[in-house]
Amino acid sequence: MSVVAKYLIPQPPRGLQLDNSDKRRGRLKAPDRHEIAGVFFDVDDTLVAHTTARVAAAQESWQVVMGDIPPPQAMALRSWQAYQETFGSGAAGFAEAANLTPEEITLRVTAQTLAALSLEVEGLAERLTGAYLAAEARLLQSSPGAVQALSALRERGLLTGVITNGPGRVQREKLAALGLLPLLDIVVVDTEFGLSKPDPAIFGHAADLAGLSADRLLFVGDNHSLDVCGALAAGWTSVQVCPSESEKLQSPAAHYTIRSLWDLFVLHPLRRIYTSVESADAAEVGGTDEGF
């Protein structure tokens, strides 16, 4: 029996596509565990389609402000560097970032980026910031299946939460704007806690808040070094979403990989949720009031 066949139930819910690849070197066998009682998620590029919106918003805001003038090729890299140097883990502004508004964060990063590119034009950082935030608010979406997954988990008695690296207020407002915050029992942000993923301490903090031991917790994330390695180091069950081909070969590997959040309920640790959903569907077809 293949690794996939061993850990995935035979027939997924209608419309789900399973990742049947066996290219999973270094995968840790999922240990015998107590029943999973809590599921935590990463935010950006797991629950929220962050990168897609960020890239599109950056391109749109530049065009709105600068017209046909092309942006510098190094602008995206400089922007990332400016954030890490100003607000990243270990930076002087790391703790401060917990309470700054999206406008304050974006303006400071934009101004620093423009300075690094020798584009210090009066008022340019403010105009780019305003255009960017307006575009991002319009373009940002939850990932496919995010709302449904969180809703199904909570309806069936599982605790839900997030562990995310980023500015605290920014991350919370993002979750609220997309209707995800009411579906979460616990929100843990690194700038508020003081340590970032993949440090197992932040996972331990989340476990303490949940009142659950590590063997009853599952973490879903997209990033190998932050999400997979962090969860494994903390003793949690690890699920990686949409790993690249190169990440599939990285070690240690997640216990499970899925192509989207729709696939979450075909995983062995959440089999009882799948069974409950299927039973509810059957009951609804039979004419009872018990629907999903």
C-alpha atoms as a PDB file:
ATOM      1  CA  MET A   1       0.000   0.000   0.000  1.00  0.00           C
ATOM      2  CA  SER A   2       1.396   3.430  -0.938  1.00  0.00           C
ATOM      3  CA  VAL A   3       1.926   6.192   1.601  1.00  0.00           C
ATOM      4  CA  VAL A   4      -0.993   8.095   0.118  1.00  0.00           C
ATOM      5  CA  ALA A   5      -3.303   5.109   0.158  1.00  0.00           C
ATOM      6  CA  LYS A   6      -2.371   4.425   3.751  1.00  0.00           C
ATOM      7  CA  TYR A   7      -3.237   7.880   5.040  1.00  0.00           C
ATOM      8  CA  LEU A   8      -6.107   8.959   2.810  1.00  0.00           C
ATOM      9  CA  ILE A   9      -9.540   7.418   2.998  1.00  0.00           C
ATOM     10  CA  PRO A  10     -10.620   5.592  -0.175  1.00  0.00           C
ATOM     11  CA  GLN A  11     -13.331   7.837  -1.599  1.00  0.00           C
ATOM     12  CA  PRO A  12     -13.116  11.639  -1.186  1.00  0.00           C
ATOM     13  CA  PRO A  13     -16.207  13.834  -1.075  1.00  0.00           C
ATOM     14  CA  ARG A  14     -17.616  14.774  -4.455  1.00  0.00           C
ATOM     15  CA  GLY A  15     -15.442  17.190  -6.404  1.00  0.00           C
ATOM     16  CA  LEU A  16     -12.237  16.659  -4.418  1.00  0.00           C
ATOM     17  CA  GLN A  17      -8.973  15.841  -6.161  1.00  0.00           C
ATOM     18  CA  LEU A  18      -6.374  13.937  -4.197  1.00  0.00           C
ATOM     19  CA  ASP A  19      -2.625  14.351  -4.536  1.00  0.00           C
ATOM     20  CA  ASN A  20      -1.604  10.799  -5.464  1.00  0.00           C
ATOM     21  CA  SER A  21       2.120  11.539  -5.748  1.00  0.00           C
ATOM     22  CA  ASP A  22       4.432   9.285  -3.797  1.00  0.00           C
ATOM     23  CA  LYS A  23       7.429  11.625  -4.157  1.00  0.00           C
ATOM     24  CA  ARG A  24       7.618  12.189  -0.427  1.00  0.00           C
ATOM     25  CA  ARG A  25      11.144  11.605   0.763  1.00  0.00           C
ATOM     26  CA  GLY A  26      11.905  12.077   4.419  1.00  0.00           C
ATOM     27  CA  ARG A  27       8.249  11.908   5.413  1.00  0.00           C
ATOM     28  CA  LEU A  28       7.690  11.179   9.067  1.00  0.00           C
ATOM     29  CA  LYS A  29       5.118   8.494   9.668  1.00  0.00           C
ATOM     30  CA  ALA A  30       2.147   9.957  11.506  1.00  0.00           C
ATOM     31  CA  PRO A  31       2.379   8.498  15.018  1.00  0.00           C
ATOM     32  CA  ASP A  32      -0.503   6.944  16.838  1.00  0.00           C
ATOM     33  CA  ARG A  33      -2.406   9.893  18.230  1.00  0.00           C
ATOM     34  CA  HIS A  34      -5.413  10.716  20.258  1.00  0.00           C
ATOM     35  CA  GLU A  35      -8.353  12.038  18.312  1.00  0.00           C
ATOM     36  CA  ILE A  36      -7.630  15.461  16.817  1.00  0.00           C
ATOM     37  CA  ALA A  37      -9.540  18.113  18.762  1.00  0.00           C
ATOM     38  CA  GLY A  38      -8.072  21.329  17.379  1.00  0.00           C
ATOM     39  CA  VAL A  39      -7.038  22.511  13.918  1.00  0.00           C
ATOM     40  CA  PHE A  40      -4.867  25.603  13.476  1.00  0.00           C
ATOM     41  CA  PHE A  41      -4.009  27.306  10.207  1.00  0.00           C
ATOM     42  CA  ASP A  42      -1.427  29.645   8.783  1.00  0.00           C
ATOM     43  CA  VAL A  43      -3.030  32.836   7.409  1.00  0.00           C
ATOM     44  CA  ASP A  44      -1.209  34.188   4.351  1.00  0.00           C
ATOM     45  CA  ASP A  45      -1.419  31.840   1.356  1.00  0.00           C
ATOM     46  CA  THR A  46      -3.260  29.244   3.435  1.00  0.00           C
ATOM     47  CA  LEU A  47      -6.539  30.740   4.664  1.00  0.00           C
ATOM     48  CA  VAL A  48      -6.039  33.926   2.633  1.00  0.00           C
ATOM     49  CA  ALA A  49      -4.883  34.243  -0.995  1.00  0.00           C
ATOM     50  CA  HIS A  50      -2.383  36.882   0.075  1.00  0.00           C
ATOM     51  CA  THR A  51       0.404  36.766  -2.513  1.00  0.00           C
ATOM     52  CA  THR A  52      -1.954  36.933  -5.486  1.00  0.00           C
ATOM     53  CA  ALA A  53      -3.678  40.028  -4.095  1.00  0.00           C
ATOM     54  CA  ARG A  54      -0.435  41.673  -2.953  1.00  0.00           C
ATOM     55  CA  VAL A  55       1.283  41.337  -6.328  1.00  0.00           C
ATOM     56  CA  ALA A  56      -1.766  42.545  -8.256  1.00  0.00           C
ATOM     57  CA  ALA A  57      -2.302  45.467  -5.852  1.00  0.00           C
ATOM     58  CA  ALA A  58       1.336  46.531  -6.128  1.00  0.00           C
ATOM     59  CA  GLN A  59       1.159  46.534  -9.926  1.00  0.00           C
ATOM     60  CA  GLU A  60      -2.151  48.386  -9.980  1.00  0.00           C
ATOM     61  CA  SER A  61      -1.111  51.030  -7.456  1.00  0.00           C
ATOM     62  CA  TRP A  62       2.076  51.810  -9.386  1.00  0.00           C
ATOM     63  CA  GLN A  63       0.103  52.232 -12.626  1.00  0.00           C
ATOM     64  CA  VAL A  64      -2.485  54.445 -10.923  1.00  0.00           C
ATOM     65  CA  VAL A  65       0.162  56.772  -9.513  1.00  0.00           C
ATOM     66  CA  MET A  66       2.941  56.570 -12.100  1.00  0.00           C
ATOM     67  CA  GLY A  67       1.033  55.863 -15.309  1.00  0.00           C
ATOM     68  CA  ASP A  68       3.160  54.288 -18.058  1.00  0.00           C
ATOM     69  CA  ILE A  69       6.438  54.613 -16.170  1.00  0.00           C
ATOM     70  CA  PRO A  70       7.551  51.022 -15.432  1.00  0.00           C
ATOM     71  CA  PRO A  71       8.422  50.169 -11.831  1.00  0.00           C
ATOM     72  CA  PRO A  72      12.058  49.374 -10.982  1.00  0.00           C
ATOM     73  CA  GLN A  73      12.829  45.693 -11.419  1.00  0.00           C
ATOM     74  CA  ALA A  74      14.163  45.457  -7.881  1.00  0.00           C
ATOM     75  CA  MET A  75      11.110  47.052  -6.263  1.00  0.00           C
ATOM     76  CA  ALA A  76       9.453  43.839  -5.056  1.00  0.00           C
ATOM     77  CA  LEU A  77      12.706  42.568  -3.545  1.00  0.00           C
ATOM     78  CA  ARG A  78      13.479  45.920  -1.945  1.00  0.00           C
ATOM     79  CA  SER A  79       9.995  46.071  -0.473  1.00  0.00           C
ATOM     80  CA  TRP A  80      10.379  42.639   1.121  1.00  0.00           C
ATOM     81  CA  GLN A  81      13.793  43.599   2.469  1.00  0.00           C
ATOM     82  CA  ALA A  82      12.415  46.867   3.856  1.00  0.00           C
ATOM     83  CA  TYR A  83       9.686  45.014   5.748  1.00  0.00           C
ATOM     84  CA  GLN A  84      12.083  42.435   7.180  1.00  0.00           C
ATOM     85  CA  GLU A  85      14.598  45.095   8.245  1.00  0.00           C
ATOM     86  CA  THR A  86      11.917  47.225   9.869  1.00  0.00           C
ATOM     87  CA  PHE A  87       9.326  44.829  11.267  1.00  0.00           C
ATOM     88  CA  GLY A  88      10.635  41.285  10.778  1.00  0.00           C
ATOM     89  CA  SER A  89      11.596  38.915  13.568  1.00  0.00           C
ATOM     90  CA  GLY A  90      14.543  40.401  15.448  1.00  0.00           C
ATOM     91  CA  ALA A  91      14.096  43.886  13.976  1.00  0.00           C
ATOM     92  CA  ALA A  92      13.727  46.938  16.190  1.00  0.00           C
ATOM     93  CA  GLY A  93      10.132  47.436  15.095  1.00  0.00           C
ATOM     94  CA  PHE A  94       9.027  43.812  15.553  1.00  0.00           C
ATOM     95  CA  ALA A  95       6.997  44.326  18.733  1.00  0.00           C
ATOM     96  CA  GLU A  96       5.777  47.738  17.582  1.00  0.00           C
ATOM     97  CA  ALA A  97       4.258  46.123  14.474  1.00  0.00           C
ATOM     98  CA  ALA A  98       1.668  44.366  16.635  1.00  0.00           C
ATOM     99  CA  ASN A  99      -0.374  47.549  17.046  1.00  0.00           C
ATOM    100  CA  LEU A 100       0.367  49.564  13.910  1.00  0.00           C
ATOM    101  CA  THR A 101      -2.381  50.098  11.348  1.00  0.00           C
ATOM    102  CA  PRO A 102      -2.128  48.789   7.775  1.00  0.00           C
ATOM    103  CA  GLU A 103      -1.609  52.394   6.656  1.00  0.00           C
ATOM    104  CA  GLU A 104       1.306  52.912   9.060  1.00  0.00           C
ATOM    105  CA  ILE A 105       2.991  49.638   8.127  1.00  0.00           C
ATOM    106  CA  THR A 106       2.591  50.146   4.373  1.00  0.00           C
ATOM    107  CA  LEU A 107       3.688  53.784   4.404  1.00  0.00           C
ATOM    108  CA  ARG A 108       6.877  53.083   6.331  1.00  0.00           C
ATOM    109  CA  VAL A 109       7.811  50.120   4.141  1.00  0.00           C
ATOM    110  CA  THR A 110       6.994  52.046   0.961  1.00  0.00           C
ATOM    111  CA  ALA A 111       9.016  55.094   2.033  1.00  0.00           C
ATOM    112  CA  GLN A 112      11.997  52.907   2.932  1.00  0.00           C
ATOM    113  CA  THR A 113      11.726  51.042  -0.379  1.00  0.00           C
ATOM    114  CA  LEU A 114      11.648  54.256  -2.405  1.00  0.00           C
ATOM    115  CA  ALA A 115      14.631  55.613  -0.486  1.00  0.00           C
ATOM    116  CA  ALA A 116      16.619  52.455  -1.240  1.00  0.00           C
ATOM    117  CA  LEU A 117      15.806  52.924  -4.941  1.00  0.00           C
ATOM    118  CA  SER A 118      16.646  56.659  -4.892  1.00  0.00           C
ATOM    119  CA  LEU A 119      13.023  57.556  -5.678  1.00  0.00           C
ATOM    120  CA  GLU A 120      12.378  59.960  -2.832  1.00  0.00           C
ATOM    121  CA  VAL A 121       9.781  62.245  -4.431  1.00  0.00           C
ATOM    122  CA  GLU A 122       7.631  64.331  -2.105  1.00  0.00           C
ATOM    123  CA  GLY A 123       4.240  62.728  -1.535  1.00  0.00           C
ATOM    124  CA  LEU A 124       5.009  59.646  -3.653  1.00  0.00           C
ATOM    125  CA  ALA A 125       5.056  57.193  -0.726  1.00  0.00           C
ATOM    126  CA  GLU A 126       1.703  58.503   0.526  1.00  0.00           C
ATOM    127  CA  ARG A 127       0.071  58.229  -2.905  1.00  0.00           C
ATOM    128  CA  LEU A 128       1.406  54.725  -3.527  1.00  0.00           C
ATOM    129  CA  THR A 129       0.286  53.628  -0.059  1.00  0.00           C
ATOM    130  CA  GLY A 130      -3.255  54.889  -0.568  1.00  0.00           C
ATOM    131  CA  ALA A 131      -3.572  53.309  -4.001  1.00  0.00           C
ATOM    132  CA  TYR A 132      -2.098  50.026  -2.797  1.00  0.00           C
ATOM    133  CA  LEU A 133      -4.386  49.651   0.211  1.00  0.00           C
ATOM    134  CA  ALA A 134      -7.459  50.473  -1.870  1.00  0.00           C
ATOM    135  CA  ALA A 135      -6.516  47.870  -4.465  1.00  0.00           C
ATOM    136  CA  GLU A 136      -5.614  45.231  -1.891  1.00  0.00           C
ATOM    137  CA  ALA A 137      -8.918  45.676  -0.048  1.00  0.00           C
ATOM    138  CA  ARG A 138     -10.763  45.037  -3.304  1.00  0.00           C
ATOM    139  CA  LEU A 139      -8.595  42.138  -4.493  1.00  0.00           C
ATOM    140  CA  LEU A 140      -7.992  40.210  -1.278  1.00  0.00           C
ATOM    141  CA  GLN A 141      -9.985  36.981  -0.966  1.00  0.00           C
ATOM    142  CA  SER A 142     -10.094  33.973   1.287  1.00  0.00           C
ATOM    143  CA  SER A 143      -8.617  30.818  -0.175  1.00  0.00           C
ATOM    144  CA  PRO A 144     -11.048  28.378  -1.822  1.00  0.00           C
ATOM    145  CA  GLY A 145     -12.647  26.218   0.842  1.00  0.00           C
ATOM    146  CA  ALA A 146     -11.427  28.301   3.796  1.00  0.00           C
ATOM    147  CA  VAL A 147     -14.830  29.409   5.056  1.00  0.00           C
ATOM    148  CA  GLN A 148     -16.354  25.986   4.487  1.00  0.00           C
ATOM    149  CA  ALA A 149     -13.490  24.183   6.240  1.00  0.00           C
ATOM    150  CA  LEU A 150     -13.571  26.407   9.318  1.00  0.00           C
ATOM    151  CA  SER A 151     -17.352  26.242   9.506  1.00  0.00           C
ATOM    152  CA  ALA A 152     -17.431  22.447   9.242  1.00  0.00           C
ATOM    153  CA  LEU A 153     -14.740  22.018  11.887  1.00  0.00           C
ATOM    154  CA  ARG A 154     -16.514  24.255  14.394  1.00  0.00           C
ATOM    155  CA  GLU A 155     -19.943  22.795  13.700  1.00  0.00           C
ATOM    156  CA  ARG A 156     -18.570  19.395  14.629  1.00  0.00           C
ATOM    157  CA  GLY A 157     -16.997  20.527  17.865  1.00  0.00           C
ATOM    158  CA  LEU A 158     -13.363  21.043  16.892  1.00  0.00           C
ATOM    159  CA  LEU A 159     -11.470  24.086  18.077  1.00  0.00           C
ATOM    160  CA  THR A 160     -10.127  26.316  15.295  1.00  0.00           C
ATOM    161  CA  GLY A 161      -7.302  28.842  15.323  1.00  0.00           C
ATOM    162  CA  VAL A 162      -4.457  30.487  13.457  1.00  0.00           C
ATOM    163  CA  ILE A 163      -0.751  30.919  14.114  1.00  0.00           C
ATOM    164  CA  THR A 164       0.601  33.652  11.874  1.00  0.00           C
ATOM    165  CA  ASN A 165       3.719  35.744  11.419  1.00  0.00           C
ATOM    166  CA  GLY A 166       2.948  39.391  10.722  1.00  0.00           C
ATOM    167  CA  PRO A 167       1.722  42.686  12.171  1.00  0.00           C
ATOM    168  CA  GLY A 168      -0.946  41.831  14.734  1.00  0.00           C
ATOM    169  CA  ARG A 169      -3.512  44.473  13.851  1.00  0.00           C
ATOM    170  CA  VAL A 170      -3.001  43.944  10.120  1.00  0.00           C
ATOM    171  CA  GLN A 171      -3.546  40.197  10.375  1.00  0.00           C
ATOM    172  CA  ARG A 172      -6.631  40.524  12.572  1.00  0.00           C
ATOM    173  CA  GLU A 173      -8.213  43.164  10.335  1.00  0.00           C
ATOM    174  CA  LYS A 174      -7.510  40.992   7.306  1.00  0.00           C
ATOM    175  CA  LEU A 175      -9.274  38.019   8.877  1.00  0.00           C
ATOM    176  CA  ALA A 176     -12.202  40.199   9.940  1.00  0.00           C
ATOM    177  CA  ALA A 177     -12.613  41.778   6.504  1.00  0.00           C
ATOM    178  CA  LEU A 178     -12.874  38.354   4.884  1.00  0.00           C
ATOM    179  CA  GLY A 179     -15.364  36.995   7.432  1.00  0.00           C
ATOM    180  CA  LEU A 180     -12.878  34.491   8.859  1.00  0.00           C
ATOM    181  CA  LEU A 181     -12.333  35.974  12.315  1.00  0.00           C
ATOM    182  CA  PRO A 182     -15.743  34.871  13.714  1.00  0.00           C
ATOM    183  CA  LEU A 183     -14.896  31.312  12.660  1.00  0.00           C
ATOM    184  CA  LEU A 184     -11.718  31.215  14.767  1.00  0.00           C
ATOM    185  CA  ASP A 185     -11.511  30.410  18.471  1.00  0.00           C
ATOM    186  CA  ILE A 186      -7.864  31.433  18.880  1.00  0.00           C
ATOM    187  CA  VAL A 187      -5.632  33.895  17.016  1.00  0.00           C
ATOM    188  CA  VAL A 188      -1.895  33.805  17.742  1.00  0.00           C
ATOM    189  CA  VAL A 189       0.319  36.406  16.033  1.00  0.00           C
ATOM    190  CA  ASP A 190       4.089  36.397  16.401  1.00  0.00           C
ATOM    191  CA  THR A 191       4.441  40.158  16.906  1.00  0.00           C
ATOM    192  CA  GLU A 192       2.012  39.922  19.826  1.00  0.00           C
ATOM    193  CA  PHE A 193       3.546  36.799  21.352  1.00  0.00           C
ATOM    194  CA  GLY A 194       7.190  37.742  20.874  1.00  0.00           C
ATOM    195  CA  LEU A 195       8.477  34.743  18.907  1.00  0.00           C
ATOM    196  CA  SER A 196       7.832  33.734  15.301  1.00  0.00           C
ATOM    197  CA  LYS A 197       7.211  30.493  13.454  1.00  0.00           C
ATOM    198  CA  PRO A 198       8.999  28.104  13.183  1.00  0.00           C
ATOM    199  CA  ASP A 199       9.927  28.454  16.858  1.00  0.00           C
ATOM    200  CA  PRO A 200       8.053  25.624  18.616  1.00  0.00           C
ATOM    201  CA  ALA A 201       7.355  28.014  21.506  1.00  0.00           C
ATOM    202  CA  ILE A 202       4.656  29.810  19.522  1.00  0.00           C
ATOM    203  CA  PHE A 203       2.986  26.472  18.815  1.00  0.00           C
ATOM    204  CA  GLY A 204       3.268  25.623  22.491  1.00  0.00           C
ATOM    205  CA  HIS A 205       1.614  28.925  23.356  1.00  0.00           C
ATOM    206  CA  ALA A 206      -1.261  28.110  21.009  1.00  0.00           C
ATOM    207  CA  ALA A 207      -1.611  24.663  22.584  1.00  0.00           C
ATOM    208  CA  ASP A 208      -1.759  26.228  26.040  1.00  0.00           C
ATOM    209  CA  LEU A 209      -4.499  28.618  24.917  1.00  0.00           C
ATOM    210  CA  ALA A 210      -6.398  25.698  23.422  1.00  0.00           C
ATOM    211  CA  GLY A 211      -5.947  23.576  26.527  1.00  0.00           C
ATOM    212  CA  LEU A 212      -4.880  20.656  24.342  1.00  0.00           C
ATOM    213  CA  SER A 213      -1.777  18.497  24.135  1.00  0.00           C
ATOM    214  CA  ALA A 214       0.303  18.516  20.943  1.00  0.00           C
ATOM    215  CA  ASP A 215      -0.901  15.065  19.909  1.00  0.00           C
ATOM    216  CA  ARG A 216      -4.455  16.385  19.657  1.00  0.00           C
ATOM    217  CA  LEU A 217      -3.555  19.325  17.417  1.00  0.00           C
ATOM    218  CA  LEU A 218      -3.142  19.620  13.664  1.00  0.00           C
ATOM    219  CA  PHE A 219      -1.548  22.527  11.791  1.00  0.00           C
ATOM    220  CA  VAL A 220      -2.221  23.446   8.161  1.00  0.00           C
ATOM    221  CA  GLY A 221       0.173  25.738   6.306  1.00  0.00           C
ATOM    222  CA  ASP A 222       1.835  26.364   2.961  1.00  0.00           C
ATOM    223  CA  ASN A 223       5.425  27.158   3.957  1.00  0.00           C
ATOM    224  CA  HIS A 224       7.825  24.291   4.585  1.00  0.00           C
ATOM    225  CA  SER A 225      10.396  26.040   6.757  1.00  0.00           C
ATOM    226  CA  LEU A 226       7.906  28.015   8.856  1.00  0.00           C
ATOM    227  CA  ASP A 227       4.769  25.884   8.987  1.00  0.00           C
ATOM    228  CA  VAL A 228       5.844  22.285   8.443  1.00  0.00           C
ATOM    229  CA  CYS A 229       9.102  22.407  10.408  1.00  0.00           C
ATOM    230  CA  GLY A 230       7.528  24.457  13.183  1.00  0.00           C
ATOM    231  CA  ALA A 231       4.573  22.125  13.638  1.00  0.00           C
ATOM    232  CA  LEU A 232       6.738  18.998  13.553  1.00  0.00           C
ATOM    233  CA  ALA A 233       9.178  20.444  16.083  1.00  0.00           C
ATOM    234  CA  ALA A 234       6.251  21.144  18.413  1.00  0.00           C
ATOM    235  CA  GLY A 235       4.923  17.592  18.062  1.00  0.00           C
ATOM    236  CA  TRP A 236       1.798  18.522  16.095  1.00  0.00           C
ATOM    237  CA  THR A 237       0.358  16.704  13.099  1.00  0.00           C
ATOM    238  CA  SER A 238       1.471  18.692  10.038  1.00  0.00           C
ATOM    239  CA  VAL A 239      -0.438  19.290   6.798  1.00  0.00           C
ATOM    240  CA  GLN A 240       1.126  21.235   3.922  1.00  0.00           C
ATOM    241  CA  VAL A 241      -1.039  22.960   1.326  1.00  0.00           C
ATOM    242  CA  CYS A 242       0.099  23.196  -2.304  1.00  0.00           C
ATOM    243  CA  PRO A 243       3.755  22.316  -1.828  1.00  0.00           C
ATOM    244  CA  SER A 244       5.980  22.948  -4.834  1.00  0.00           C
ATOM    245  CA  GLU A 245       7.696  19.971  -6.455  1.00  0.00           C
ATOM    246  CA  SER A 246      10.944  20.918  -4.720  1.00  0.00           C
ATOM    247  CA  GLU A 247       9.214  21.256  -1.338  1.00  0.00           C
ATOM    248  CA  LYS A 248       7.726  17.771  -1.706  1.00  0.00           C
ATOM    249  CA  LEU A 249      11.272  16.449  -1.588  1.00  0.00           C
ATOM    250  CA  GLN A 250      12.380  18.510   1.401  1.00  0.00           C
ATOM    251  CA  SER A 251      12.997  16.839   4.732  1.00  0.00           C
ATOM    252  CA  PRO A 252      11.396  16.608   7.169  1.00  0.00           C
ATOM    253  CA  ALA A 253       8.182  16.393   5.199  1.00  0.00           C
ATOM    254  CA  ALA A 254       4.695  17.067   6.487  1.00  0.00           C
ATOM    255  CA  HIS A 255       2.639  14.073   7.563  1.00  0.00           C
ATOM    256  CA  TYR A 256       0.164  14.938   4.806  1.00  0.00           C
ATOM    257  CA  THR A 257       0.013  17.177   1.752  1.00  0.00           C
ATOM    258  CA  ILE A 258      -3.126  18.539   0.093  1.00  0.00           C
ATOM    259  CA  ARG A 259      -3.699  20.612  -3.035  1.00  0.00           C
ATOM    260  CA  SER A 260      -6.357  22.838  -1.489  1.00  0.00           C
ATOM    261  CA  LEU A 261      -8.364  23.238   1.706  1.00  0.00           C
ATOM    262  CA  TRP A 262     -11.164  21.279   0.035  1.00  0.00           C
ATOM    263  CA  ASP A 263      -8.961  18.190   0.458  1.00  0.00           C
ATOM    264  CA  LEU A 264      -8.627  18.619   4.223  1.00  0.00           C
ATOM    265  CA  PHE A 265     -11.469  16.308   5.132  1.00  0.00           C
ATOM    266  CA  VAL A 266     -10.114  13.296   3.288  1.00  0.00           C
ATOM    267  CA  LEU A 267      -7.154  13.096   5.652  1.00  0.00           C
ATOM    268  CA  HIS A 268      -7.137  10.256   8.134  1.00  0.00           C
ATOM    269  CA  PRO A 269      -7.039  12.443  11.291  1.00  0.00           C
ATOM    270  CA  LEU A 270     -10.254  14.182  10.196  1.00  0.00           C
ATOM    271  CA  ARG A 271     -12.043  11.089   8.924  1.00  0.00           C
ATOM    272  CA  ARG A 272     -14.843  11.501  11.415  1.00  0.00           C
ATOM    273  CA  ILE A 273     -15.598  14.953   9.957  1.00  0.00           C
ATOM    274  CA  TYR A 274     -15.753  13.440   6.481  1.00  0.00           C
ATOM    275  CA  THR A 275     -18.040  10.685   7.726  1.00  0.00           C
ATOM    276  CA  SER A 276     -20.256  13.232   9.444  1.00  0.00           C
ATOM    277  CA  VAL A 277     -20.502  15.329   6.282  1.00  0.00           C
ATOM    278  CA  GLU A 278     -21.373  12.301   4.154  1.00  0.00           C
ATOM    279  CA  SER A 279     -23.962  11.143   6.692  1.00  0.00           C
ATOM    280  CA  ALA A 280     -25.517  14.586   6.741  1.00  0.00           C
ATOM    281  CA  ASP A 281     -25.654  14.650   2.951  1.00  0.00           C
ATOM    282  CA  ALA A 282     -27.376  11.266   2.914  1.00  0.00           C
ATOM    283  CA  ALA A 283     -29.858  12.375   5.558  1.00  0.00           C
ATOM    284  CA  GLU A 284     -30.676  15.505   3.585  1.00  0.00           C
ATOM    285  CA  VAL A 285     -31.345  13.446   0.458  1.00  0.00           C
ATOM    286  CA  GLY A 286     -33.618  11.229   2.537  1.00  0.00           C
ATOM    287  CA  GLY A 287     -35.825  14.174   3.394  1.00  0.00           C
ATOM    288  CA  THR A 288     -34.886  14.778   7.017  1.00  0.00           C
ATOM    289  CA  ASP A 289     -33.970  18.122   8.583  1.00  0.00           C
ATOM    290  CA  GLU A 290     -30.389  17.055   9.337  1.00  0.00           C
ATOM    291  CA  GLY A 291     -28.328  18.922   6.722  1.00  0.00           C
ATOM    292  CA  PHE A 292     -24.677  19.929   6.569  1.00  0.00           C
END
